[in-house]
Structure formats: structure tokens, C-alpha cells
Amino acid sequence: MASTTKAHQRPEPRCSGGAGVGPANRVFVSVVMVAFRSEGFTSPSASAGGHPELRVVKWRASDMIETAPVRTEPHTQELVVIHRVFRREAALLSRFVTGCRPGDTARAAQVAGAVRGYTGGLLCHHRVEDELVWPLLRERARLYDELVQRMEDQHGRLEKSLLTIGDLLPRWELAAAGHVRDELAEHLTEHRALLVEHLDDEEELILPLVAEHLSAAEWDGVGRRALGTTTLGAILEEAGPDERRHFLAKVPPADRLGWWLIGRRQYQRQVSRLREPQPW
């Protein structure tokens, strides 16, 4: 049998097994500018009217002592919040690529690093579902095999798009050529359309099956792995007050303290550098 060509190889990301919330965990680059204050985060650009897509994120020190409630059924809203992160990242990273000046190799390298963080996180997220969710649904919800197959097919198309994007990044970083940038932006736009379709389908068609056929303990296992595909800061930016308290309660106390003392500042520096307005 002929060897598989690069264009058809399945990408194999390095996936974390735990929640990506501690200061030493892999950085999933978010695209939200934040500034930390004693009671939480705010986006100075948002408050000044500079960037309307940047939200104000506030939280209280009392959130640090929340405890997770005991649930008897899967809390699928967790996945909805994580999906919001991927939707946001896909949209804004495409804009960052398009906005990079030809020849600006420093900015191209910065944005390319953010794109790699996004693609790695999404691939790992899909691995969690491939390994922990689809097999259980095929076993317990056999009448819906067609829907599960639809999810797997969508994963395949998304992974192929991510592989194409990954192949373009080194070419773009080399000289920040305008024509390579435009090709990369086009593929990111196409990828985002596939992503939105998949996430919409998953939330509408699959999460009700998860709630019916998986136990709370099984879903907690999925949730722990899924949290390893993003960071606490990225999640909190998309979470409402109740959702924020829920996610903070799931973080081990030591990691929660690490976030409060160190992680917030690290997150602020990372996203501020990425989101800093460009001079051209």
C-alpha cells in the first residue's frame, strides 16, 4: 500500500489530561484583552469604546470558595460555554491574520502562535469526544448512530482544515507575504464555517442524547478532559455569573489559588500582547 501523503495524515496533538487552569499548564492563547483589578477583570478597550467585541468580566473574591454541587445528571452547559470559546477564537484569529501587515514577520509569528494554540486545543477537544462520548452513544443510543456518524464526519472535515492551516503557518511566518496571508485567512474563514455548523449540530442534536444516556460521573470525566483543551481565563470571559461560579468550583483549591495569585496576571500579559492595536 502506498504511504499516506502529508495532506491526508491525521494530526496528532499533544493533549493534556487535566484541566488547563494552573499557571504551569499549556497556554491556550485567548484573544480577549483584560486588565485585572481586585474584584476581577475588565477590558480597558471595551470600557473606553475602543473594541466593542471585548466584554467586561467581573468576579468576586467569594467565588474562590465556591464548592461544586453534587449532580445526578450530566451538566451539559459546560460544553456550551467551551464551545463559545472556540467560536470566538476562530472568528478573531481570522481577523488577526487579515490585519497583519505584509513583511511584519514579528506580528506574523505572534499570530501564528495563537493559531497553533487554537488548533491544538480544538484537536484535543475532539479527541475527548472521539474517545469518551461517541463510543458510549453508539452503545446506548443505537437508534441515533446516524447522528454520531455525522459528528465523526464533521470532526474529520475540521481536522483536515486544521492540517491545511497548520501547513500554511511556517510559510507565512517566513516572510509574512501578503499572498500567503490571504490564503491562510481564506482557509480560516472556511474552517470557521465548518466549526459553527458542527458546534450548532452538537448542541442541538447530541447534548440531549448525552443528558439521557450518560451518567453524571461519566460526564464529569469528559468535563475534566475537556477543560484541558482551554484555560480558565478563556472560559471565564465567556461565562455568565452562574457559569463562572460553576467552573471555579470545579478547579482544585491549589489551582484556584494559583489562578488568583499568578494565573490572572499571566493571562493578562498573554492576551494583551496579542490584542494590542496594530500601528497600520
Protein backbone atom coordinates (compact mmCIF):
# COMPACT_ATOMS: atom_id res chain seq x y z
CA MET A 1 0.00 0.00 0.00
CA ALA A 2 1.30 3.42 -0.88
CA SER A 3 2.39 5.62 2.01
CA THR A 4 -0.07 8.23 3.22
CA THR A 5 0.67 11.71 1.93
CA LYS A 6 1.06 14.62 4.30
CA ALA A 7 -2.20 16.16 3.14
CA HIS A 8 -4.14 13.14 4.37
CA GLN A 9 -2.34 12.43 7.64
CA ARG A 10 -4.38 12.69 10.81
CA PRO A 11 -2.90 15.40 13.04
CA GLU A 12 -1.85 14.15 16.46
CA PRO A 13 -1.81 16.97 19.01
CA ARG A 14 -0.28 16.77 22.45
CA CYS A 15 -3.32 16.77 24.71
CA SER A 16 -3.31 17.47 28.41
CA GLY A 17 -5.13 15.04 30.65
CA GLY A 18 -6.18 17.63 33.20
CA ALA A 19 -7.79 20.99 33.46
CA GLY A 20 -5.82 23.75 31.81
CA VAL A 21 -6.23 26.13 34.71
CA GLY A 22 -2.94 26.07 36.58
CA PRO A 23 -0.21 28.62 35.83
CA ALA A 24 2.14 25.90 34.58
CA ASN A 25 -0.30 24.36 32.12
CA ARG A 26 -0.14 24.73 28.33
CA VAL A 27 -1.18 28.18 27.15
CA PHE A 28 -4.30 28.33 25.03
CA VAL A 29 -3.97 31.85 23.64
CA SER A 30 -7.17 33.81 24.04
CA VAL A 31 -8.00 36.92 22.10
CA VAL A 32 -9.61 38.99 24.83
CA MET A 33 -7.76 41.93 26.39
CA VAL A 34 -8.21 42.04 30.15
CA ALA A 35 -6.85 44.14 32.98
CA PHE A 36 -7.01 42.73 36.48
CA ARG A 37 -8.44 44.64 39.44
CA SER A 38 -9.05 43.41 42.96
CA GLU A 39 -12.64 42.42 42.18
CA GLY A 40 -11.99 40.87 38.78
CA PHE A 41 -11.11 41.70 35.18
CA THR A 42 -12.19 44.50 32.94
CA SER A 43 -11.23 45.27 29.39
CA PRO A 44 -9.96 48.86 29.24
CA SER A 45 -10.53 49.00 25.50
CA ALA A 46 -14.12 47.88 25.93
CA SER A 47 -14.84 50.39 28.64
CA ALA A 48 -13.27 53.12 26.51
CA GLY A 49 -15.26 52.11 23.46
CA GLY A 50 -12.18 51.01 21.52
CA HIS A 51 -13.14 47.39 20.86
CA PRO A 52 -16.86 46.63 21.14
CA GLU A 53 -16.28 42.84 20.98
CA LEU A 54 -14.37 42.86 24.26
CA ARG A 55 -16.60 42.20 27.26
CA VAL A 56 -16.21 43.35 30.81
CA VAL A 57 -15.56 40.34 33.05
CA LYS A 58 -16.04 40.83 36.78
CA TRP A 59 -15.90 38.28 39.55
CA ARG A 60 -15.73 38.34 43.31
CA ALA A 61 -13.16 37.00 45.73
CA SER A 62 -16.02 34.99 47.28
CA ASP A 63 -16.15 32.97 44.05
CA MET A 64 -12.84 31.45 45.15
CA ILE A 65 -14.51 29.44 47.92
CA GLU A 66 -17.41 28.00 45.93
CA THR A 67 -17.85 24.23 46.09
CA ALA A 68 -19.18 22.13 43.24
CA PRO A 69 -22.70 20.77 43.86
CA VAL A 70 -23.36 17.06 43.65
CA ARG A 71 -25.26 16.40 40.41
CA THR A 72 -27.29 13.37 39.44
CA GLU A 73 -27.32 14.11 35.71
CA PRO A 74 -24.80 15.47 33.19
CA HIS A 75 -24.32 19.23 33.32
CA THR A 76 -24.02 19.72 29.57
CA GLN A 77 -23.97 23.51 29.80
CA GLU A 78 -20.24 23.16 30.49
CA LEU A 79 -19.70 22.16 26.88
CA VAL A 80 -21.79 25.03 25.59
CA VAL A 81 -19.51 27.51 27.37
CA ILE A 82 -16.37 25.85 25.99
CA HIS A 83 -17.93 25.98 22.52
CA ARG A 84 -18.32 29.74 22.93
CA VAL A 85 -14.57 29.99 23.43
CA PHE A 86 -13.84 28.13 20.19
CA ARG A 87 -16.36 30.19 18.25
CA ARG A 88 -14.79 33.42 19.48
CA GLU A 89 -11.23 32.31 18.84
CA ALA A 90 -11.99 31.15 15.30
CA ALA A 91 -13.59 34.48 14.42
CA LEU A 92 -10.98 36.78 15.94
CA LEU A 93 -7.90 34.86 14.85
CA SER A 94 -9.07 35.15 11.26
CA ARG A 95 -9.25 38.93 11.76
CA PHE A 96 -5.76 39.00 13.26
CA VAL A 97 -4.35 37.20 10.24
CA THR A 98 -6.10 39.51 7.81
CA GLY A 99 -4.89 42.56 9.72
CA CYS A 100 -1.21 41.61 9.66
CA ARG A 101 0.90 43.96 7.52
CA PRO A 102 2.89 42.23 4.74
CA GLY A 103 6.50 41.86 5.79
CA ASP A 104 5.76 42.13 9.53
CA THR A 105 7.34 38.82 10.50
CA ALA A 106 7.22 39.56 14.23
CA ARG A 107 3.45 40.02 14.17
CA ALA A 108 3.02 37.02 11.87
CA ALA A 109 4.93 34.84 14.33
CA GLN A 110 2.83 36.15 17.22
CA VAL A 111 -0.47 35.46 15.47
CA ALA A 112 0.75 32.11 14.13
CA GLY A 113 1.49 31.05 17.70
CA ALA A 114 -2.06 31.96 18.68
CA VAL A 115 -3.44 30.00 15.73
CA ARG A 116 -1.40 26.95 16.79
CA GLY A 117 -2.76 27.26 20.31
CA TYR A 118 -6.30 27.32 18.95
CA THR A 119 -5.84 24.41 16.54
CA GLY A 120 -4.14 22.28 19.20
CA GLY A 121 -6.90 22.99 21.69
CA LEU A 122 -9.66 22.15 19.22
CA LEU A 123 -8.00 18.92 18.11
CA CYS A 124 -7.60 17.82 21.72
CA HIS A 125 -11.24 18.73 22.38
CA HIS A 126 -12.28 16.48 19.52
CA ARG A 127 -10.12 13.65 20.87
CA VAL A 128 -12.03 13.79 24.14
CA GLU A 129 -15.34 13.35 22.32
CA ASP A 130 -13.95 10.68 19.99
CA GLU A 131 -12.66 8.62 22.90
CA LEU A 132 -15.22 9.21 25.66
CA VAL A 133 -18.54 10.29 24.15
CA TRP A 134 -19.14 8.72 20.74
CA PRO A 135 -18.43 5.10 21.87
CA LEU A 136 -20.94 5.38 24.73
CA LEU A 137 -23.61 6.86 22.48
CA ARG A 138 -23.07 4.15 19.87
CA GLU A 139 -23.53 1.55 22.59
CA ARG A 140 -26.53 3.06 24.36
CA ALA A 141 -28.32 5.17 21.74
CA ARG A 142 -28.15 2.91 18.71
CA LEU A 143 -31.17 4.47 17.10
CA TYR A 144 -29.08 7.62 16.69
CA ASP A 145 -25.99 6.09 15.08
CA GLU A 146 -26.52 8.34 12.08
CA LEU A 147 -26.15 11.44 14.26
CA VAL A 148 -22.99 10.10 15.87
CA GLN A 149 -21.57 9.33 12.44
CA ARG A 150 -22.42 12.88 11.41
CA MET A 151 -20.35 14.19 14.32
CA GLU A 152 -17.41 11.97 13.42
CA ASP A 153 -17.56 13.03 9.77
CA GLN A 154 -17.60 16.68 10.82
CA HIS A 155 -14.57 16.08 13.04
CA GLY A 156 -12.78 14.62 10.05
CA ARG A 157 -13.50 17.63 7.86
CA LEU A 158 -12.47 20.03 10.62
CA GLU A 159 -9.22 18.19 11.22
CA LYS A 160 -8.40 18.29 7.53
CA SER A 161 -8.97 22.05 7.53
CA LEU A 162 -6.74 22.44 10.59
CA LEU A 163 -3.98 20.43 8.93
CA THR A 164 -4.12 22.73 5.90
CA ILE A 165 -3.93 25.78 8.17
CA GLY A 166 -1.00 24.27 10.03
CA ASP A 167 0.89 23.65 6.79
CA LEU A 168 0.48 27.31 5.81
CA LEU A 169 1.74 28.81 9.07
CA PRO A 170 5.51 28.22 8.51
CA ARG A 171 5.28 29.69 5.01
CA TRP A 172 3.55 32.78 6.36
CA GLU A 173 5.99 33.21 9.26
CA LEU A 174 8.98 33.03 6.91
CA ALA A 175 8.37 36.39 5.24
CA ALA A 176 4.81 37.44 6.20
CA ALA A 177 3.99 37.51 2.49
CA GLY A 178 0.65 39.08 1.65
CA HIS A 179 -0.47 36.34 -0.73
CA VAL A 180 0.24 33.64 1.87
CA ARG A 181 -1.61 35.68 4.49
CA ASP A 182 -4.62 35.92 2.19
CA GLU A 183 -4.57 32.18 1.53
CA LEU A 184 -4.35 31.47 5.26
CA ALA A 185 -7.20 33.88 6.00
CA GLU A 186 -9.37 32.19 3.38
CA HIS A 187 -8.79 28.77 4.93
CA LEU A 188 -9.51 30.13 8.41
CA THR A 189 -12.80 31.56 7.16
CA GLU A 190 -13.76 28.23 5.61
CA HIS A 191 -12.74 26.44 8.79
CA ARG A 192 -14.90 28.73 10.91
CA ALA A 193 -17.96 27.95 8.78
CA LEU A 194 -17.37 24.21 9.33
CA LEU A 195 -16.81 24.78 13.04
CA VAL A 196 -20.01 26.77 13.59
CA GLU A 197 -22.06 24.16 11.75
CA HIS A 198 -20.55 21.38 13.86
CA LEU A 199 -20.95 23.12 17.21
CA ASP A 200 -24.54 24.09 16.43
CA ASP A 201 -25.37 20.49 15.47
CA GLU A 202 -23.66 19.11 18.55
CA GLU A 203 -25.51 21.39 20.92
CA GLU A 204 -28.89 20.83 19.28
CA LEU A 205 -28.70 17.11 18.46
CA ILE A 206 -26.07 15.45 20.66
CA LEU A 207 -26.23 17.13 24.07
CA PRO A 208 -29.83 15.92 24.63
CA LEU A 209 -28.59 12.36 23.96
CA VAL A 210 -25.73 12.88 26.39
CA ALA A 211 -28.15 14.04 29.08
CA GLU A 212 -30.27 10.93 28.53
CA HIS A 213 -27.64 8.23 28.09
CA LEU A 214 -24.55 9.23 30.09
CA SER A 215 -24.28 9.31 33.86
CA ALA A 216 -23.17 12.36 35.80
CA ALA A 217 -19.91 10.58 36.72
CA GLU A 218 -19.19 9.73 33.07
CA TRP A 219 -19.85 13.31 32.02
CA ASP A 220 -17.61 14.61 34.79
CA GLY A 221 -14.82 12.53 33.26
CA VAL A 222 -15.49 14.12 29.89
CA GLY A 223 -15.55 17.56 31.52
CA ARG A 224 -12.19 17.09 33.24
CA ARG A 225 -10.57 16.16 29.94
CA ALA A 226 -12.39 18.91 28.04
CA LEU A 227 -11.15 21.56 30.48
CA GLY A 228 -7.63 20.55 29.47
CA THR A 229 -8.28 21.95 25.99
CA THR A 230 -8.63 25.56 27.14
CA THR A 231 -7.76 27.76 30.14
CA LEU A 232 -9.74 29.16 32.99
CA GLY A 233 -9.27 32.71 31.72
CA ALA A 234 -10.67 31.87 28.29
CA ILE A 235 -13.69 30.19 29.88
CA LEU A 236 -14.41 32.96 32.37
CA GLU A 237 -14.50 35.51 29.56
CA GLU A 238 -17.43 33.63 28.02
CA ALA A 239 -19.19 32.55 31.22
CA GLY A 240 -22.14 34.25 32.87
CA PRO A 241 -22.14 34.71 36.67
CA ASP A 242 -23.63 31.29 37.47
CA GLU A 243 -21.45 29.56 34.88
CA ARG A 244 -18.38 31.31 36.26
CA ARG A 245 -19.09 30.09 39.78
CA HIS A 246 -19.67 26.58 38.43
CA PHE A 247 -16.31 26.43 36.66
CA LEU A 248 -14.38 27.96 39.55
CA ALA A 249 -15.92 25.39 41.90
CA LYS A 250 -14.57 22.59 39.69
CA VAL A 251 -10.99 23.86 39.93
CA PRO A 252 -8.92 22.18 42.68
CA PRO A 253 -8.21 24.57 45.57
CA ALA A 254 -4.46 24.71 44.88
CA ASP A 255 -5.02 25.59 41.21
CA ARG A 256 -7.70 28.10 42.19
CA LEU A 257 -5.19 29.83 44.46
CA GLY A 258 -2.58 29.68 41.70
CA TRP A 259 -5.02 31.34 39.35
CA TRP A 260 -5.78 34.09 41.85
CA LEU A 261 -2.13 34.81 42.65
CA ILE A 262 -0.36 34.15 39.34
CA GLY A 263 -2.59 32.91 36.55
CA ARG A 264 -4.64 36.09 36.16
CA ARG A 265 -1.55 38.19 35.56
CA GLN A 266 -0.09 35.69 33.11
CA TYR A 267 -3.35 35.60 31.22
CA GLN A 268 -3.48 39.38 31.14
CA ARG A 269 0.01 39.67 29.68
CA GLN A 270 -0.60 36.99 27.02
CA VAL A 271 -3.85 38.37 25.70
CA SER A 272 -2.78 42.00 25.97
CA ARG A 273 0.23 41.38 23.71
CA LEU A 274 -1.93 39.60 21.17
CA ARG A 275 -4.78 42.12 21.23
CA GLU A 276 -2.64 45.27 21.21
CA PRO A 277 -3.83 47.55 18.36
CA GLN A 278 -1.55 47.46 15.33
CA PRO A 279 0.01 50.71 14.01
CA TRP A 280 -1.07 50.39 10.38
